[in-house]
Amino acid sequence: MDRPWNPSPFSQVRHVGIIVKDMQSALKKYEALGMGPFEPFSQGIKERRVRGKVAPDVKLKVMTAQLGEIQFELIQPLEGRSPQREFLEKNGERIHHLGFFTHDLQGDRDRLMKMGYEVIYSADYVKGGGCDYYINKKHGDEIVWELIEWPADKAS
């Protein structure tokens, strides 16, 4: 469904991310509920950063399914210290973040940083360009906000 683009990325949730301990168990659980089909995240990651530092040791297994207008994402931390692994260790399996598309990733990031948020994780995509930021309050909110910037032809 095409909608006019709102200048605030927070006007429409486009993506829900759930941290899981075991991908196969999680897939069985969500598919039994009628969700899916799940596909591996296909953009590929060119570079990951954790709290601003390049993190080549971080490995995640990511599967996605489209549920109407919302992308549903399952993330299993595999290797390295990452915000996803820290979240799993502290909170167990549950919703980790809500994602929002933006046409101005840097501008939205800067605006949130002025409000006391920080970028805890970021990734640049291999296929088709684009990138994302996980943003959280410096002293930790319950939920992480993900700002996602796709190439202009894919962001509607």
C-alpha atoms as a PDB file:
ATOM      1  CA  MET A   1       0.000   0.000   0.000  1.00  0.00           C
ATOM      2  CA  ASP A   2       1.487   3.333  -1.056  1.00  0.00           C
ATOM      3  CA  ARG A   3       1.313   6.081   1.533  1.00  0.00           C
ATOM      4  CA  PRO A   4       2.598   9.631   1.423  1.00  0.00           C
ATOM      5  CA  TRP A   5       6.009   9.909   3.053  1.00  0.00           C
ATOM      6  CA  ASN A   6       5.872  11.579   6.459  1.00  0.00           C
ATOM      7  CA  PRO A   7       8.989  13.600   7.362  1.00  0.00           C
ATOM      8  CA  SER A   8       9.144  11.843  10.738  1.00  0.00           C
ATOM      9  CA  PRO A   9      10.340   8.262  10.441  1.00  0.00           C
ATOM     10  CA  PHE A  10       8.416   7.438  13.620  1.00  0.00           C
ATOM     11  CA  SER A  11       5.047   7.890  11.914  1.00  0.00           C
ATOM     12  CA  GLN A  12       4.890   4.249  10.790  1.00  0.00           C
ATOM     13  CA  VAL A  13       6.462   1.061  12.174  1.00  0.00           C
ATOM     14  CA  ARG A  14       7.817  -0.942   9.243  1.00  0.00           C
ATOM     15  CA  HIS A  15       9.832  -3.611  11.001  1.00  0.00           C
ATOM     16  CA  VAL A  16       9.852  -5.612  14.262  1.00  0.00           C
ATOM     17  CA  GLY A  17      13.028  -7.367  15.424  1.00  0.00           C
ATOM     18  CA  ILE A  18      13.021 -10.285  17.871  1.00  0.00           C
ATOM     19  CA  ILE A  19      16.168 -11.698  19.454  1.00  0.00           C
ATOM     20  CA  VAL A  20      16.184 -15.503  19.629  1.00  0.00           C
ATOM     21  CA  LYS A  21      18.478 -18.041  21.245  1.00  0.00           C
ATOM     22  CA  ASP A  22      18.023 -20.789  18.651  1.00  0.00           C
ATOM     23  CA  MET A  23      16.860 -19.958  15.118  1.00  0.00           C
ATOM     24  CA  GLN A  24      15.441 -23.388  14.276  1.00  0.00           C
ATOM     25  CA  SER A  25      13.306 -23.493  17.428  1.00  0.00           C
ATOM     26  CA  ALA A  26      12.115 -19.945  16.827  1.00  0.00           C
ATOM     27  CA  LEU A  27      11.202 -20.670  13.199  1.00  0.00           C
ATOM     28  CA  LYS A  28       9.149 -23.707  14.260  1.00  0.00           C
ATOM     29  CA  LYS A  29       7.340 -21.633  16.898  1.00  0.00           C
ATOM     30  CA  TYR A  30       6.467 -18.708  14.611  1.00  0.00           C
ATOM     31  CA  GLU A  31       5.644 -20.877  11.587  1.00  0.00           C
ATOM     32  CA  ALA A  32       3.267 -22.932  13.795  1.00  0.00           C
ATOM     33  CA  LEU A  33       1.429 -19.643  14.414  1.00  0.00           C
ATOM     34  CA  GLY A  34       1.061 -19.199  10.645  1.00  0.00           C
ATOM     35  CA  MET A  35       3.833 -16.636  10.152  1.00  0.00           C
ATOM     36  CA  GLY A  36       6.168 -16.880   7.203  1.00  0.00           C
ATOM     37  CA  PRO A  37       7.600 -17.905   4.927  1.00  0.00           C
ATOM     38  CA  PHE A  38      10.900 -16.858   6.462  1.00  0.00           C
ATOM     39  CA  GLU A  39      13.850 -16.047   4.225  1.00  0.00           C
ATOM     40  CA  PRO A  40      17.490 -15.282   5.074  1.00  0.00           C
ATOM     41  CA  PHE A  41      18.268 -11.556   5.194  1.00  0.00           C
ATOM     42  CA  SER A  42      19.401 -10.979   1.628  1.00  0.00           C
ATOM     43  CA  GLN A  43      21.045  -7.551   1.673  1.00  0.00           C
ATOM     44  CA  GLY A  44      24.316  -8.851   3.120  1.00  0.00           C
ATOM     45  CA  ILE A  45      26.402  -6.770   5.507  1.00  0.00           C
ATOM     46  CA  LYS A  46      29.423  -4.887   4.234  1.00  0.00           C
ATOM     47  CA  GLU A  47      30.479  -3.559   7.645  1.00  0.00           C
ATOM     48  CA  ARG A  48      29.109  -3.700  11.193  1.00  0.00           C
ATOM     49  CA  ARG A  49      29.918  -1.225  13.940  1.00  0.00           C
ATOM     50  CA  VAL A  50      29.247  -1.648  17.648  1.00  0.00           C
ATOM     51  CA  ARG A  51      29.222   1.654  19.527  1.00  0.00           C
ATOM     52  CA  GLY A  52      31.121   3.275  16.655  1.00  0.00           C
ATOM     53  CA  LYS A  53      33.895   0.684  16.343  1.00  0.00           C
ATOM     54  CA  VAL A  54      34.171  -1.712  13.399  1.00  0.00           C
ATOM     55  CA  ALA A  55      33.147  -5.166  14.639  1.00  0.00           C
ATOM     56  CA  PRO A  56      34.215  -7.859  12.145  1.00  0.00           C
ATOM     57  CA  ASP A  57      33.866 -10.553  14.839  1.00  0.00           C
ATOM     58  CA  VAL A  58      30.104 -10.001  15.224  1.00  0.00           C
ATOM     59  CA  LYS A  59      28.068 -12.612  13.395  1.00  0.00           C
ATOM     60  CA  LEU A  60      24.284 -12.816  13.419  1.00  0.00           C
ATOM     61  CA  LYS A  61      21.833 -15.199  11.799  1.00  0.00           C
ATOM     62  CA  VAL A  62      18.855 -13.221  10.494  1.00  0.00           C
ATOM     63  CA  MET A  63      15.609 -14.496   8.992  1.00  0.00           C
ATOM     64  CA  THR A  64      12.739 -12.276   7.853  1.00  0.00           C
ATOM     65  CA  ALA A  65       9.103 -12.664   6.883  1.00  0.00           C
ATOM     66  CA  GLN A  66       6.696 -10.093   5.522  1.00  0.00           C
ATOM     67  CA  LEU A  67       3.527  -9.840   7.626  1.00  0.00           C
ATOM     68  CA  GLY A  68       1.319  -7.400   5.750  1.00  0.00           C
ATOM     69  CA  GLU A  69       3.123  -4.053   5.792  1.00  0.00           C
ATOM     70  CA  ILE A  70       5.435  -5.114   8.627  1.00  0.00           C
ATOM     71  CA  GLN A  71       8.683  -6.997   8.189  1.00  0.00           C
ATOM     72  CA  PHE A  72       9.150  -9.521  11.011  1.00  0.00           C
ATOM     73  CA  GLU A  73      12.812 -10.274  11.770  1.00  0.00           C
ATOM     74  CA  LEU A  74      14.343 -13.019  13.891  1.00  0.00           C
ATOM     75  CA  ILE A  75      17.962 -12.447  14.997  1.00  0.00           C
ATOM     76  CA  GLN A  76      20.215 -15.051  16.582  1.00  0.00           C
ATOM     77  CA  PRO A  77      23.576 -13.770  17.868  1.00  0.00           C
ATOM     78  CA  LEU A  78      26.256 -16.268  16.802  1.00  0.00           C
ATOM     79  CA  GLU A  79      29.658 -14.724  17.510  1.00  0.00           C
ATOM     80  CA  GLY A  80      31.231 -11.640  19.068  1.00  0.00           C
ATOM     81  CA  ARG A  81      30.010  -9.098  21.625  1.00  0.00           C
ATOM     82  CA  SER A  82      27.048  -7.249  20.178  1.00  0.00           C
ATOM     83  CA  PRO A  83      24.056  -5.348  21.502  1.00  0.00           C
ATOM     84  CA  GLN A  84      21.944  -8.277  20.300  1.00  0.00           C
ATOM     85  CA  ARG A  85      23.929 -10.779  22.405  1.00  0.00           C
ATOM     86  CA  GLU A  86      23.894  -8.433  25.414  1.00  0.00           C
ATOM     87  CA  PHE A  87      20.124  -8.071  25.072  1.00  0.00           C
ATOM     88  CA  LEU A  88      19.615 -11.861  24.858  1.00  0.00           C
ATOM     89  CA  GLU A  89      21.759 -12.447  27.948  1.00  0.00           C
ATOM     90  CA  LYS A  90      19.934  -9.767  29.945  1.00  0.00           C
ATOM     91  CA  ASN A  91      16.348 -10.174  28.715  1.00  0.00           C
ATOM     92  CA  GLY A  92      16.013 -13.536  26.992  1.00  0.00           C
ATOM     93  CA  GLU A  93      14.027 -14.005  23.802  1.00  0.00           C
ATOM     94  CA  ARG A  94      11.653 -11.148  23.059  1.00  0.00           C
ATOM     95  CA  ILE A  95      11.071  -8.026  20.993  1.00  0.00           C
ATOM     96  CA  HIS A  96      14.329  -6.112  20.709  1.00  0.00           C
ATOM     97  CA  HIS A  97      13.591  -3.259  18.337  1.00  0.00           C
ATOM     98  CA  LEU A  98      11.082  -1.438  16.181  1.00  0.00           C
ATOM     99  CA  GLY A  99      12.272  -0.295  12.777  1.00  0.00           C
ATOM    100  CA  PHE A 100      11.376   2.820  10.826  1.00  0.00           C
ATOM    101  CA  PHE A 101      12.329   3.809   7.267  1.00  0.00           C
ATOM    102  CA  THR A 102      13.923   7.195   6.756  1.00  0.00           C
ATOM    103  CA  HIS A 103      15.099   9.265   3.812  1.00  0.00           C
ATOM    104  CA  ASP A 104      17.460  11.232   6.079  1.00  0.00           C
ATOM    105  CA  LEU A 105      19.355   8.757   8.239  1.00  0.00           C
ATOM    106  CA  GLN A 106      22.092  11.169   9.300  1.00  0.00           C
ATOM    107  CA  GLY A 107      19.650  13.990  10.063  1.00  0.00           C
ATOM    108  CA  ASP A 108      17.341  11.739  12.091  1.00  0.00           C
ATOM    109  CA  ARG A 109      20.317  10.231  13.938  1.00  0.00           C
ATOM    110  CA  ASP A 110      21.652  13.688  14.788  1.00  0.00           C
ATOM    111  CA  ARG A 111      18.232  14.830  16.016  1.00  0.00           C
ATOM    112  CA  LEU A 112      17.955  11.796  18.322  1.00  0.00           C
ATOM    113  CA  MET A 113      21.509  12.212  19.603  1.00  0.00           C
ATOM    114  CA  LYS A 114      20.615  15.758  20.682  1.00  0.00           C
ATOM    115  CA  MET A 115      17.764  14.174  22.686  1.00  0.00           C
ATOM    116  CA  GLY A 116      20.157  11.898  24.611  1.00  0.00           C
ATOM    117  CA  TYR A 117      20.211   8.853  22.336  1.00  0.00           C
ATOM    118  CA  GLU A 118      23.282   7.053  21.034  1.00  0.00           C
ATOM    119  CA  VAL A 119      24.008   4.689  18.149  1.00  0.00           C
ATOM    120  CA  ILE A 120      24.738   1.278  19.665  1.00  0.00           C
ATOM    121  CA  TYR A 121      24.980  -0.691  16.408  1.00  0.00           C
ATOM    122  CA  SER A 122      25.088   0.094  12.711  1.00  0.00           C
ATOM    123  CA  ALA A 123      25.441  -1.843   9.491  1.00  0.00           C
ATOM    124  CA  ASP A 124      26.082  -0.978   5.845  1.00  0.00           C
ATOM    125  CA  TYR A 125      24.435  -3.290   3.307  1.00  0.00           C
ATOM    126  CA  VAL A 126      26.208  -4.914   0.372  1.00  0.00           C
ATOM    127  CA  LYS A 127      23.258  -5.361  -1.992  1.00  0.00           C
ATOM    128  CA  GLY A 128      21.445  -2.264  -3.147  1.00  0.00           C
ATOM    129  CA  GLY A 129      23.146   0.094  -0.710  1.00  0.00           C
ATOM    130  CA  GLY A 130      21.383   1.306   2.390  1.00  0.00           C
ATOM    131  CA  CYS A 131      22.261   1.052   6.049  1.00  0.00           C
ATOM    132  CA  ASP A 132      20.711   1.073   9.483  1.00  0.00           C
ATOM    133  CA  TYR A 133      21.309   2.343  13.008  1.00  0.00           C
ATOM    134  CA  TYR A 134      20.140   0.862  16.294  1.00  0.00           C
ATOM    135  CA  ILE A 135      19.561   3.805  18.602  1.00  0.00           C
ATOM    136  CA  ASN A 136      18.940   3.695  22.343  1.00  0.00           C
ATOM    137  CA  LYS A 137      19.035   6.100  25.275  1.00  0.00           C
ATOM    138  CA  LYS A 138      22.513   6.430  26.758  1.00  0.00           C
ATOM    139  CA  HIS A 139      21.277   4.911  30.004  1.00  0.00           C
ATOM    140  CA  GLY A 140      19.202   2.263  28.247  1.00  0.00           C
ATOM    141  CA  ASP A 141      15.554   2.181  27.234  1.00  0.00           C
ATOM    142  CA  GLU A 142      13.542  -0.994  27.234  1.00  0.00           C
ATOM    143  CA  ILE A 143      13.280  -0.891  23.444  1.00  0.00           C
ATOM    144  CA  VAL A 144      15.762  -0.094  20.719  1.00  0.00           C
ATOM    145  CA  TRP A 145      14.771   2.098  17.757  1.00  0.00           C
ATOM    146  CA  GLU A 146      16.132   1.080  14.356  1.00  0.00           C
ATOM    147  CA  LEU A 147      16.396   3.701  11.648  1.00  0.00           C
ATOM    148  CA  ILE A 148      16.648   2.086   8.217  1.00  0.00           C
ATOM    149  CA  GLU A 149      17.724   3.936   5.098  1.00  0.00           C
ATOM    150  CA  TRP A 150      17.107   2.079   1.865  1.00  0.00           C
ATOM    151  CA  PRO A 151      18.002   3.400  -1.551  1.00  0.00           C
ATOM    152  CA  ALA A 152      15.327   5.876  -2.686  1.00  0.00           C
ATOM    153  CA  ASP A 153      13.791   3.413  -5.170  1.00  0.00           C
ATOM    154  CA  LYS A 154      13.180   0.851  -2.384  1.00  0.00           C
ATOM    155  CA  ALA A 155      12.126   3.052   0.550  1.00  0.00           C
ATOM    156  CA  SER A 156       8.467   3.645  -0.278  1.00  0.00           C
END
